[in-house]
Amino acid sequence: MFYLSLGESLKNARISNNMTQEFVASSIGVSRQAVSKWENGTSDPSTANLLALSKLYQISPEQLLRDISK
């Protein structure tokens, strides 16, 4: 089974929703750099931001985390 990183999962969700990092950042109240760091694996979003991202992407948090390798 192929596993994604959390960053890859977040990036795939953003791209599949045709959103830019800037749009995501402004929608949930963080900097574009924060979104970039989450997507490249430099840092992870807080639980609150992960929930905001899942709502923005219209998918459950479980879907974002389902194929993540531990």
PDB file of N, CA and C in Angstrom:
ATOM      1  N   MET A   1       0.839  -1.179   0.000  1.00  0.00           N
ATOM      2  CA  MET A   1       0.000   0.000   0.000  1.00  0.00           C
ATOM      3  C   MET A   1       0.883   1.242   0.000  1.00  0.00           C
ATOM      4  N   PHE A   2       0.493   2.224  -0.764  1.00  0.00           N
ATOM      5  CA  PHE A   2       1.248   3.466  -0.869  1.00  0.00           C
ATOM      6  C   PHE A   2       0.727   4.452   0.159  1.00  0.00           C
ATOM      7  N   TYR A   3       1.630   5.021   0.933  1.00  0.00           N
ATOM      8  CA  TYR A   3       1.252   5.995   1.944  1.00  0.00           C
ATOM      9  C   TYR A   3       1.745   7.381   1.555  1.00  0.00           C
ATOM     10  N   LEU A   4       0.934   8.370   1.876  1.00  0.00           N
ATOM     11  CA  LEU A   4       1.291   9.764   1.649  1.00  0.00           C
ATOM     12  C   LEU A   4       1.779  10.371   2.954  1.00  0.00           C
ATOM     13  N   SER A   5       2.514  11.447   2.845  1.00  0.00           N
ATOM     14  CA  SER A   5       2.784  12.259   4.030  1.00  0.00           C
ATOM     15  C   SER A   5       1.559  13.144   4.249  1.00  0.00           C
ATOM     16  N   LEU A   6       1.441  13.708   5.425  1.00  0.00           N
ATOM     17  CA  LEU A   6       0.343  14.634   5.678  1.00  0.00           C
ATOM     18  C   LEU A   6       0.417  15.801   4.697  1.00  0.00           C
ATOM     19  N   GLY A   7       1.625  16.294   4.458  1.00  0.00           N
ATOM     20  CA  GLY A   7       1.793  17.394   3.515  1.00  0.00           C
ATOM     21  C   GLY A   7       1.295  17.059   2.125  1.00  0.00           C
ATOM     22  N   GLU A   8       1.616  15.869   1.656  1.00  0.00           N
ATOM     23  CA  GLU A   8       1.150  15.446   0.328  1.00  0.00           C
ATOM     24  C   GLU A   8      -0.368  15.341   0.294  1.00  0.00           C
ATOM     25  N   SER A   9      -0.947  14.827   1.365  1.00  0.00           N
ATOM     26  CA  SER A   9      -2.396  14.715   1.440  1.00  0.00           C
ATOM     27  C   SER A   9      -3.052  16.095   1.412  1.00  0.00           C
ATOM     28  N   LEU A  10      -2.488  17.037   2.170  1.00  0.00           N
ATOM     29  CA  LEU A  10      -3.025  18.399   2.184  1.00  0.00           C
ATOM     30  C   LEU A  10      -2.897  19.066   0.821  1.00  0.00           C
ATOM     31  N   LYS A  11      -1.740  18.888   0.189  1.00  0.00           N
ATOM     32  CA  LYS A  11      -1.516  19.488  -1.136  1.00  0.00           C
ATOM     33  C   LYS A  11      -2.475  18.897  -2.165  1.00  0.00           C
ATOM     34  N   ASN A  12      -2.637  17.576  -2.153  1.00  0.00           N
ATOM     35  CA  ASN A  12      -3.557  16.932  -3.094  1.00  0.00           C
ATOM     36  C   ASN A  12      -4.979  17.443  -2.910  1.00  0.00           C
ATOM     37  N   ALA A  13      -5.400  17.603  -1.655  1.00  0.00           N
ATOM     38  CA  ALA A  13      -6.753  18.102  -1.387  1.00  0.00           C
ATOM     39  C   ALA A  13      -6.908  19.528  -1.902  1.00  0.00           C
ATOM     40  N   ARG A  14      -5.902  20.351  -1.670  1.00  0.00           N
ATOM     41  CA  ARG A  14      -5.954  21.745  -2.137  1.00  0.00           C
ATOM     42  C   ARG A  14      -6.029  21.804  -3.656  1.00  0.00           C
ATOM     43  N   ILE A  15      -5.168  21.043  -4.317  1.00  0.00           N
ATOM     44  CA  ILE A  15      -5.132  21.073  -5.782  1.00  0.00           C
ATOM     45  C   ILE A  15      -6.424  20.519  -6.374  1.00  0.00           C
ATOM     46  N   SER A  16      -6.955  19.460  -5.767  1.00  0.00           N
ATOM     47  CA  SER A  16      -8.193  18.881  -6.302  1.00  0.00           C
ATOM     48  C   SER A  16      -9.377  19.842  -6.155  1.00  0.00           C
ATOM     49  N   ASN A  17      -9.242  20.800  -5.240  1.00  0.00           N
ATOM     50  CA  ASN A  17     -10.270  21.827  -5.077  1.00  0.00           C
ATOM     51  C   ASN A  17      -9.945  23.115  -5.841  1.00  0.00           C
ATOM     52  N   ASN A  18      -8.892  23.068  -6.660  1.00  0.00           N
ATOM     53  CA  ASN A  18      -8.492  24.219  -7.482  1.00  0.00           C
ATOM     54  C   ASN A  18      -8.276  25.476  -6.644  1.00  0.00           C
ATOM     55  N   MET A  19      -7.572  25.311  -5.526  1.00  0.00           N
ATOM     56  CA  MET A  19      -7.300  26.431  -4.641  1.00  0.00           C
ATOM     57  C   MET A  19      -5.814  26.732  -4.617  1.00  0.00           C
ATOM     58  N   THR A  20      -5.486  28.003  -4.453  1.00  0.00           N
ATOM     59  CA  THR A  20      -4.087  28.394  -4.296  1.00  0.00           C
ATOM     60  C   THR A  20      -3.737  28.380  -2.808  1.00  0.00           C
ATOM     61  N   GLN A  21      -2.447  28.344  -2.517  1.00  0.00           N
ATOM     62  CA  GLN A  21      -2.012  28.446  -1.125  1.00  0.00           C
ATOM     63  C   GLN A  21      -2.481  29.768  -0.519  1.00  0.00           C
ATOM     64  N   GLU A  22      -2.456  30.830  -1.307  1.00  0.00           N
ATOM     65  CA  GLU A  22      -2.887  32.134  -0.830  1.00  0.00           C
ATOM     66  C   GLU A  22      -4.361  32.119  -0.445  1.00  0.00           C
ATOM     67  N   PHE A  23      -5.191  31.482  -1.271  1.00  0.00           N
ATOM     68  CA  PHE A  23      -6.623  31.402  -0.977  1.00  0.00           C
ATOM     69  C   PHE A  23      -6.870  30.603   0.294  1.00  0.00           C
ATOM     70  N   VAL A  24      -6.195  29.471   0.425  1.00  0.00           N
ATOM     71  CA  VAL A  24      -6.359  28.631   1.619  1.00  0.00           C
ATOM     72  C   VAL A  24      -5.944  29.413   2.860  1.00  0.00           C
ATOM     73  N   ALA A  25      -4.806  30.071   2.768  1.00  0.00           N
ATOM     74  CA  ALA A  25      -4.294  30.826   3.909  1.00  0.00           C
ATOM     75  C   ALA A  25      -5.280  31.902   4.344  1.00  0.00           C
ATOM     76  N   SER A  26      -5.778  32.679   3.397  1.00  0.00           N
ATOM     77  CA  SER A  26      -6.703  33.753   3.762  1.00  0.00           C
ATOM     78  C   SER A  26      -8.031  33.196   4.260  1.00  0.00           C
ATOM     79  N   SER A  27      -8.438  32.045   3.760  1.00  0.00           N
ATOM     80  CA  SER A  27      -9.717  31.446   4.163  1.00  0.00           C
ATOM     81  C   SER A  27      -9.702  30.956   5.603  1.00  0.00           C
ATOM     82  N   ILE A  28      -8.545  30.468   6.070  1.00  0.00           N
ATOM     83  CA  ILE A  28      -8.504  29.944   7.439  1.00  0.00           C
ATOM     84  C   ILE A  28      -7.711  30.831   8.399  1.00  0.00           C
ATOM     85  N   GLY A  29      -7.209  31.960   7.904  1.00  0.00           N
ATOM     86  CA  GLY A  29      -6.577  32.937   8.775  1.00  0.00           C
ATOM     87  C   GLY A  29      -5.143  32.638   9.178  1.00  0.00           C
ATOM     88  N   VAL A  30      -4.379  32.077   8.239  1.00  0.00           N
ATOM     89  CA  VAL A  30      -2.953  31.838   8.476  1.00  0.00           C
ATOM     90  C   VAL A  30      -2.165  32.446   7.316  1.00  0.00           C
ATOM     91  N   SER A  31      -0.852  32.424   7.417  1.00  0.00           N
ATOM     92  CA  SER A  31      -0.026  32.946   6.326  1.00  0.00           C
ATOM     93  C   SER A  31       0.128  31.903   5.219  1.00  0.00           C
ATOM     94  N   ARG A  32       0.436  32.396   4.029  1.00  0.00           N
ATOM     95  CA  ARG A  32       0.697  31.475   2.928  1.00  0.00           C
ATOM     96  C   ARG A  32       1.906  30.611   3.256  1.00  0.00           C
ATOM     97  N   GLN A  33       2.865  31.179   3.970  1.00  0.00           N
ATOM     98  CA  GLN A  33       4.057  30.420   4.352  1.00  0.00           C
ATOM     99  C   GLN A  33       3.693  29.249   5.254  1.00  0.00           C
ATOM    100  N   ALA A  34       2.703  29.422   6.124  1.00  0.00           N
ATOM    101  CA  ALA A  34       2.260  28.320   6.984  1.00  0.00           C
ATOM    102  C   ALA A  34       1.702  27.181   6.136  1.00  0.00           C
ATOM    103  N   VAL A  35       0.878  27.519   5.165  1.00  0.00           N
ATOM    104  CA  VAL A  35       0.310  26.498   4.276  1.00  0.00           C
ATOM    105  C   VAL A  35       1.436  25.782   3.533  1.00  0.00           C
ATOM    106  N   SER A  36       2.402  26.544   3.042  1.00  0.00           N
ATOM    107  CA  SER A  36       3.544  25.955   2.345  1.00  0.00           C
ATOM    108  C   SER A  36       4.314  24.998   3.252  1.00  0.00           C
ATOM    109  N   LYS A  37       4.555  25.408   4.488  1.00  0.00           N
ATOM    110  CA  LYS A  37       5.282  24.551   5.435  1.00  0.00           C
ATOM    111  C   LYS A  37       4.520  23.268   5.732  1.00  0.00           C
ATOM    112  N   TRP A  38       3.198  23.359   5.833  1.00  0.00           N
ATOM    113  CA  TRP A  38       2.403  22.147   6.062  1.00  0.00           C
ATOM    114  C   TRP A  38       2.524  21.207   4.870  1.00  0.00           C
ATOM    115  N   GLU A  39       2.464  21.772   3.663  1.00  0.00           N
ATOM    116  CA  GLU A  39       2.497  20.941   2.456  1.00  0.00           C
ATOM    117  C   GLU A  39       3.875  20.352   2.188  1.00  0.00           C
ATOM    118  N   ASN A  40       4.949  21.044   2.583  1.00  0.00           N
ATOM    119  CA  ASN A  40       6.276  20.478   2.328  1.00  0.00           C
ATOM    120  C   ASN A  40       6.819  19.692   3.515  1.00  0.00           C
ATOM    121  N   GLY A  41       6.000  19.588   4.583  1.00  0.00           N
ATOM    122  CA  GLY A  41       6.374  18.746   5.705  1.00  0.00           C
ATOM    123  C   GLY A  41       7.285  19.392   6.727  1.00  0.00           C
ATOM    124  N   THR A  42       7.530  20.700   6.601  1.00  0.00           N
ATOM    125  CA  THR A  42       8.377  21.404   7.567  1.00  0.00           C
ATOM    126  C   THR A  42       7.690  21.513   8.921  1.00  0.00           C
ATOM    127  N   SER A  43       6.363  21.652   8.892  1.00  0.00           N
ATOM    128  CA  SER A  43       5.578  21.697  10.121  1.00  0.00           C
ATOM    129  C   SER A  43       4.212  21.086   9.851  1.00  0.00           C
ATOM    130  N   ASP A  44       3.488  20.814  10.923  1.00  0.00           N
ATOM    131  CA  ASP A  44       2.141  20.249  10.803  1.00  0.00           C
ATOM    132  C   ASP A  44       1.122  21.264  11.297  1.00  0.00           C
ATOM    133  N   PRO A  45      -0.074  21.255  10.705  1.00  0.00           N
ATOM    134  CA  PRO A  45      -1.104  22.173  11.177  1.00  0.00           C
ATOM    135  C   PRO A  45      -1.593  21.763  12.563  1.00  0.00           C
ATOM    136  N   SER A  46      -2.042  22.735  13.326  1.00  0.00           N
ATOM    137  CA  SER A  46      -2.671  22.428  14.614  1.00  0.00           C
ATOM    138  C   SER A  46      -3.960  21.653  14.348  1.00  0.00           C
ATOM    139  N   THR A  47      -4.495  21.061  15.392  1.00  0.00           N
ATOM    140  CA  THR A  47      -5.761  20.346  15.242  1.00  0.00           C
ATOM    141  C   THR A  47      -6.844  21.286  14.732  1.00  0.00           C
ATOM    142  N   ALA A  48      -6.893  22.499  15.283  1.00  0.00           N
ATOM    143  CA  ALA A  48      -7.903  23.467  14.844  1.00  0.00           C
ATOM    144  C   ALA A  48      -7.743  23.797  13.363  1.00  0.00           C
ATOM    145  N   ASN A  49      -6.492  23.985  12.909  1.00  0.00           N
ATOM    146  CA  ASN A  49      -6.261  24.283  11.495  1.00  0.00           C
ATOM    147  C   ASN A  49      -6.555  23.078  10.614  1.00  0.00           C
ATOM    148  N   LEU A  50      -6.254  21.879  11.094  1.00  0.00           N
ATOM    149  CA  LEU A  50      -6.575  20.673  10.325  1.00  0.00           C
ATOM    150  C   LEU A  50      -8.086  20.554  10.132  1.00  0.00           C
ATOM    151  N   LEU A  51      -8.846  20.863  11.179  1.00  0.00           N
ATOM    152  CA  LEU A  51     -10.307  20.832  11.066  1.00  0.00           C
ATOM    153  C   LEU A  51     -10.799  21.911  10.111  1.00  0.00           C
ATOM    154  N   ALA A  52     -10.185  23.099  10.164  1.00  0.00           N
ATOM    155  CA  ALA A  52     -10.561  24.179   9.242  1.00  0.00           C
ATOM    156  C   ALA A  52     -10.253  23.787   7.795  1.00  0.00           C
ATOM    157  N   LEU A  53      -9.114  23.137   7.582  1.00  0.00           N
ATOM    158  CA  LEU A  53      -8.751  22.693   6.232  1.00  0.00           C
ATOM    159  C   LEU A  53      -9.739  21.650   5.719  1.00  0.00           C
ATOM    160  N   SER A  54     -10.099  20.711   6.561  1.00  0.00           N
ATOM    161  CA  SER A  54     -11.026  19.674   6.108  1.00  0.00           C
ATOM    162  C   SER A  54     -12.384  20.280   5.751  1.00  0.00           C
ATOM    163  N   LYS A  55     -12.806  21.277   6.529  1.00  0.00           N
ATOM    164  CA  LYS A  55     -14.073  21.955   6.214  1.00  0.00           C
ATOM    165  C   LYS A  55     -13.958  22.709   4.893  1.00  0.00           C
ATOM    166  N   LEU A  56     -12.851  23.427   4.716  1.00  0.00           N
ATOM    167  CA  LEU A  56     -12.630  24.180   3.482  1.00  0.00           C
ATOM    168  C   LEU A  56     -12.611  23.254   2.269  1.00  0.00           C
ATOM    169  N   TYR A  57     -11.948  22.099   2.406  1.00  0.00           N
ATOM    170  CA  TYR A  57     -11.832  21.145   1.302  1.00  0.00           C
ATOM    171  C   TYR A  57     -13.050  20.238   1.173  1.00  0.00           C
ATOM    172  N   GLN A  58     -13.998  20.390   2.092  1.00  0.00           N
ATOM    173  CA  GLN A  58     -15.235  19.612   2.097  1.00  0.00           C
ATOM    174  C   GLN A  58     -14.975  18.113   2.141  1.00  0.00           C
ATOM    175  N   ILE A  59     -14.008  17.734   2.992  1.00  0.00           N
ATOM    176  CA  ILE A  59     -13.743  16.323   3.261  1.00  0.00           C
ATOM    177  C   ILE A  59     -13.555  16.162   4.765  1.00  0.00           C
ATOM    178  N   SER A  60     -13.734  14.963   5.231  1.00  0.00           N
ATOM    179  CA  SER A  60     -13.592  14.736   6.671  1.00  0.00           C
ATOM    180  C   SER A  60     -12.118  14.745   7.067  1.00  0.00           C
ATOM    181  N   PRO A  61     -11.843  15.083   8.317  1.00  0.00           N
ATOM    182  CA  PRO A  61     -10.452  15.001   8.781  1.00  0.00           C
ATOM    183  C   PRO A  61      -9.888  13.592   8.611  1.00  0.00           C
ATOM    184  N   GLU A  62     -10.750  12.593   8.779  1.00  0.00           N
ATOM    185  CA  GLU A  62     -10.315  11.207   8.602  1.00  0.00           C
ATOM    186  C   GLU A  62      -9.818  10.954   7.187  1.00  0.00           C
ATOM    187  N   GLN A  63     -10.457  11.587   6.202  1.00  0.00           N
ATOM    188  CA  GLN A  63     -10.008  11.418   4.821  1.00  0.00           C
ATOM    189  C   GLN A  63      -8.625  12.022   4.618  1.00  0.00           C
ATOM    190  N   LEU A  64      -8.374  13.152   5.247  1.00  0.00           N
ATOM    191  CA  LEU A  64      -7.049  13.762   5.133  1.00  0.00           C
ATOM    192  C   LEU A  64      -5.981  12.872   5.764  1.00  0.00           C
ATOM    193  N   LEU A  65      -6.352  12.172   6.827  1.00  0.00           N
ATOM    194  CA  LEU A  65      -5.384  11.378   7.585  1.00  0.00           C
ATOM    195  C   LEU A  65      -5.351   9.902   7.210  1.00  0.00           C
ATOM    196  N   ARG A  66      -6.297   9.434   6.427  1.00  0.00           N
ATOM    197  CA  ARG A  66      -6.479   8.014   6.175  1.00  0.00           C
ATOM    198  C   ARG A  66      -5.228   7.316   5.609  1.00  0.00           C
ATOM    199  N   ASP A  67      -4.594   7.882   4.632  1.00  0.00           N
ATOM    200  CA  ASP A  67      -3.467   7.207   3.975  1.00  0.00           C
ATOM    201  C   ASP A  67      -2.109   7.734   4.419  1.00  0.00           C
ATOM    202  N   ILE A  68      -2.083   8.321   5.603  1.00  0.00           N
ATOM    203  CA  ILE A  68      -0.831   8.872   6.129  1.00  0.00           C
ATOM    204  C   ILE A  68      -0.003   7.759   6.740  1.00  0.00           C
ATOM    205  N   SER A  69       1.266   7.738   6.399  1.00  0.00           N
ATOM    206  CA  SER A  69       2.168   6.771   7.037  1.00  0.00           C
ATOM    207  C   SER A  69       2.562   7.311   8.402  1.00  0.00           C
ATOM    208  N   LYS A  70       2.646   6.448   9.360  1.00  0.00           N
ATOM    209  CA  LYS A  70       2.972   6.848  10.737  1.00  0.00           C
ATOM    210  C   LYS A  70       4.467   6.942  10.921  1.00  0.00           C
TER     211      LYS A  70
END
